[in-house]
Amino acid sequence: MTGAETLAEPAPRFRRATAQDALALAGLIDLSNAGADRPDFERAVANVLVPGSDVGFDNAVILEMFGTAVAAMIVNPLPAGPVDLAAVETLHLPFEMLKAQAGGQLYLRNIAVLPQHRGKGYGSALASLALDMASLGCLPGLCAVVHRHNQAMRTLMTARGLAVVASGFLPSHPDFPSGVDIDLWSISLGVSDGIPA
């Protein structure tokens, strides 16, 4: 091999996250949340280590290259019944109000790709995997709450067939101190009560 030749990059590998991925996963979640977790990163890592939490490693899929997590997503099935919004922290209320409108769907909570690995289709591959997971789980659809300023995620949602079905307002966010509009994106998979239509 000469100095001008390069090795082809191997295909990325999807795998379930484990507790050993906590630091990398917390970093990717922070990236997805536009730095909102950075002020208390130790707490963010601890949250990832709580089995069954909405950001727990057991709800995450890692996209790995050369043994390194370069992208990840967290998905949670939403409850099909009513949600007790009175019990929700004020900070999370706008998100929960929107999610309550998509009961029973698979919620794409976070998706992130390290900056040096963007533009390679990894986010698209994770979003497609989320759709497959919802379909295989006989869930009625896939949804996500997206900041209106997040053009990359809006483009990704549109490309996967999701559309805005409701909107809300998040009063404060690290990148938008005066608040930011948020949208609930959703796609119906034609499933009712766990039975494909």
Protein backbone atom coordinates (compact mmCIF):
# COMPACT_ATOMS: atom_id res chain seq x y z
CA MET A 1 0.00 0.00 0.00
CA THR A 2 1.32 3.45 -0.87
CA GLY A 3 0.98 6.59 1.25
CA ALA A 4 -1.77 7.92 -1.05
CA GLU A 5 -4.11 5.01 -0.41
CA THR A 6 -6.62 5.15 2.42
CA LEU A 7 -8.56 2.43 4.12
CA ALA A 8 -12.28 2.39 3.44
CA GLU A 9 -14.35 3.35 6.45
CA PRO A 10 -16.22 0.31 7.77
CA ALA A 11 -20.00 0.27 7.90
CA PRO A 12 -21.36 1.66 11.16
CA ARG A 13 -22.69 -0.82 13.68
CA PHE A 14 -25.89 -0.33 15.67
CA ARG A 15 -26.05 -1.78 19.16
CA ARG A 16 -27.99 -1.36 22.37
CA ALA A 17 -26.32 0.99 24.80
CA THR A 18 -24.94 -0.39 28.06
CA ALA A 19 -24.03 1.21 31.38
CA GLN A 20 -20.43 1.45 30.10
CA ASP A 21 -21.69 3.95 27.49
CA ALA A 22 -22.96 6.40 30.15
CA LEU A 23 -20.33 9.11 29.61
CA ALA A 24 -20.52 9.00 25.79
CA LEU A 25 -24.32 8.79 25.85
CA ALA A 26 -24.66 11.73 28.25
CA GLY A 27 -22.39 13.75 25.94
CA LEU A 28 -24.52 12.89 22.90
CA ILE A 29 -27.72 13.73 24.80
CA ASP A 30 -26.19 17.08 25.77
CA LEU A 31 -25.32 17.66 22.12
CA SER A 32 -28.91 16.85 21.16
CA ASN A 33 -30.18 19.25 23.86
CA ALA A 34 -27.97 22.09 22.57
CA GLY A 35 -25.84 22.12 25.72
CA ALA A 36 -28.70 22.24 28.22
CA ASP A 37 -27.14 19.44 30.31
CA ARG A 38 -23.63 20.86 30.42
CA PRO A 39 -24.02 22.92 33.63
CA ASP A 40 -24.76 19.73 35.62
CA PHE A 41 -23.07 17.08 33.49
CA GLU A 42 -22.45 14.74 36.45
CA ARG A 43 -26.22 14.62 37.03
CA ALA A 44 -26.74 13.95 33.30
CA VAL A 45 -24.39 10.95 33.47
CA ALA A 46 -26.15 9.72 36.64
CA ASN A 47 -29.55 9.99 34.86
CA VAL A 48 -28.27 7.82 32.01
CA LEU A 49 -27.32 5.16 34.55
CA VAL A 50 -30.86 4.90 36.00
CA PRO A 51 -32.47 1.84 34.38
CA GLY A 52 -35.89 2.68 32.99
CA SER A 53 -35.46 6.45 33.12
CA ASP A 54 -36.51 8.31 29.99
CA VAL A 55 -32.83 8.93 29.21
CA GLY A 56 -31.59 5.63 30.61
CA PHE A 57 -29.04 3.62 28.66
CA ASP A 58 -31.62 0.84 28.34
CA ASN A 59 -33.67 3.12 26.05
CA ALA A 60 -30.71 4.01 23.84
CA VAL A 61 -29.18 2.76 20.62
CA ILE A 62 -25.55 3.54 19.84
CA LEU A 63 -24.09 3.86 16.35
CA GLU A 64 -20.51 2.75 16.68
CA MET A 65 -17.44 3.21 14.47
CA PHE A 66 -14.06 1.71 15.38
CA GLY A 67 -15.40 0.89 18.85
CA THR A 68 -16.45 4.50 19.53
CA ALA A 69 -19.98 5.83 19.93
CA VAL A 70 -20.32 8.44 17.16
CA ALA A 71 -24.11 8.78 17.25
CA ALA A 72 -27.01 7.73 19.43
CA MET A 73 -30.75 7.94 19.86
CA ILE A 74 -33.06 7.50 22.79
CA VAL A 75 -36.59 6.26 22.22
CA ASN A 76 -39.43 5.78 24.71
CA PRO A 77 -42.89 4.35 24.15
CA LEU A 78 -45.39 6.99 25.29
CA PRO A 79 -48.25 5.98 27.58
CA ALA A 80 -51.47 5.38 25.68
CA GLY A 81 -53.67 6.73 28.47
CA PRO A 82 -54.04 10.15 30.06
CA VAL A 83 -50.94 11.87 31.47
CA ASP A 84 -51.01 13.62 34.86
CA LEU A 85 -49.62 16.99 33.76
CA ALA A 86 -50.00 18.38 37.31
CA ALA A 87 -47.11 16.12 38.38
CA VAL A 88 -44.74 17.41 35.67
CA GLU A 89 -41.92 19.87 36.45
CA THR A 90 -42.65 23.34 35.03
CA LEU A 91 -39.52 23.18 32.84
CA HIS A 92 -40.77 20.00 31.13
CA LEU A 93 -44.45 20.92 30.91
CA PRO A 94 -44.39 22.25 27.31
CA PHE A 95 -42.80 19.00 26.10
CA GLU A 96 -45.18 16.80 28.09
CA MET A 97 -48.25 18.70 26.86
CA LEU A 98 -47.21 18.01 23.27
CA LYS A 99 -46.25 14.38 23.93
CA ALA A 100 -49.64 13.75 25.55
CA GLN A 101 -51.17 14.34 22.11
CA ALA A 102 -49.22 11.38 20.68
CA GLY A 103 -50.17 8.77 23.26
CA GLY A 104 -49.03 5.23 22.51
CA GLN A 105 -46.47 6.26 19.88
CA LEU A 106 -42.73 5.68 20.05
CA TYR A 107 -41.12 8.95 21.11
CA LEU A 108 -37.78 9.82 19.53
CA ARG A 109 -36.48 11.70 22.56
CA ASN A 110 -32.93 12.42 21.45
CA ILE A 111 -30.85 11.85 18.36
CA ALA A 112 -27.31 13.16 17.99
CA VAL A 113 -24.26 12.67 15.80
CA LEU A 114 -20.80 13.89 16.76
CA PRO A 115 -19.93 16.95 14.62
CA GLN A 116 -16.98 15.25 12.88
CA HIS A 117 -19.29 12.43 11.72
CA ARG A 118 -22.18 14.51 10.40
CA GLY A 119 -23.17 14.42 6.75
CA LYS A 120 -22.62 10.66 6.48
CA GLY A 121 -26.27 9.66 6.87
CA TYR A 122 -25.96 8.42 10.47
CA GLY A 123 -28.83 10.58 11.75
CA SER A 124 -31.00 9.34 8.89
CA ALA A 125 -30.04 5.74 9.66
CA LEU A 126 -31.02 6.19 13.32
CA ALA A 127 -34.33 7.85 12.38
CA SER A 128 -35.09 4.96 10.00
CA LEU A 129 -34.26 2.51 12.78
CA ALA A 130 -36.70 4.35 15.10
CA LEU A 131 -39.44 3.96 12.47
CA ASP A 132 -38.62 0.25 12.17
CA MET A 133 -38.72 -0.14 15.97
CA ALA A 134 -42.15 1.53 16.15
CA SER A 135 -43.46 -0.63 13.34
CA LEU A 136 -42.04 -3.88 14.72
CA GLY A 137 -43.41 -2.98 18.14
CA CYS A 138 -46.89 -2.52 16.60
CA LEU A 139 -47.02 1.03 17.93
CA PRO A 140 -49.40 3.48 16.25
CA GLY A 141 -46.69 5.89 15.18
CA LEU A 142 -43.40 7.69 15.75
CA CYS A 143 -43.14 11.21 17.15
CA ALA A 144 -40.56 13.78 18.23
CA VAL A 145 -40.60 17.24 19.78
CA VAL A 146 -38.26 19.56 17.87
CA HIS A 147 -37.16 23.14 18.52
CA ARG A 148 -38.35 25.28 15.64
CA HIS A 149 -34.76 26.57 15.14
CA ASN A 150 -33.35 23.05 14.65
CA GLN A 151 -33.39 22.99 10.86
CA ALA A 152 -31.32 19.80 10.60
CA MET A 153 -33.81 17.83 12.70
CA ARG A 154 -36.79 19.39 10.88
CA THR A 155 -35.28 18.28 7.57
CA LEU A 156 -34.65 14.79 8.96
CA MET A 157 -38.25 14.50 10.23
CA THR A 158 -39.67 15.63 6.88
CA ALA A 159 -37.46 13.15 4.99
CA ARG A 160 -38.82 10.31 7.15
CA GLY A 161 -42.45 11.28 6.50
CA LEU A 162 -43.20 12.96 9.83
CA ALA A 163 -45.21 16.20 9.85
CA VAL A 164 -45.93 18.89 12.44
CA VAL A 165 -49.19 18.05 14.22
CA ALA A 166 -49.05 20.47 17.18
CA SER A 167 -46.95 23.36 18.49
CA GLY A 168 -46.01 24.83 21.84
CA PHE A 169 -43.63 27.29 23.46
CA LEU A 170 -40.68 26.54 25.74
CA PRO A 171 -40.26 29.64 27.93
CA SER A 172 -36.51 29.23 28.49
CA HIS A 173 -33.64 27.34 26.91
CA PRO A 174 -29.85 27.83 27.20
CA ASP A 175 -29.58 28.89 23.55
CA PHE A 176 -32.82 30.92 23.54
CA PRO A 177 -33.17 32.79 26.86
CA SER A 178 -36.40 34.44 25.69
CA GLY A 179 -37.87 31.05 24.80
CA VAL A 180 -38.30 28.96 21.69
CA ASP A 181 -41.19 27.49 19.74
CA ILE A 182 -41.36 23.70 19.74
CA ASP A 183 -43.27 21.40 17.41
CA LEU A 184 -44.63 17.88 17.78
CA TRP A 185 -43.76 15.89 14.67
CA SER A 186 -45.58 12.61 14.09
CA ILE A 187 -46.26 9.89 11.57
CA SER A 188 -49.05 7.35 11.83
CA LEU A 189 -48.04 3.77 11.13
CA GLY A 190 -51.56 2.51 10.65
CA VAL A 191 -51.63 0.47 13.86
CA SER A 192 -54.52 0.41 16.29
CA ASP A 193 -54.41 -1.42 19.61
CA GLY A 194 -51.22 -3.22 18.56
CA ILE A 195 -52.81 -4.59 15.37
CA PRO A 196 -51.59 -3.35 11.96
CA ALA A 197 -54.42 -1.78 9.94
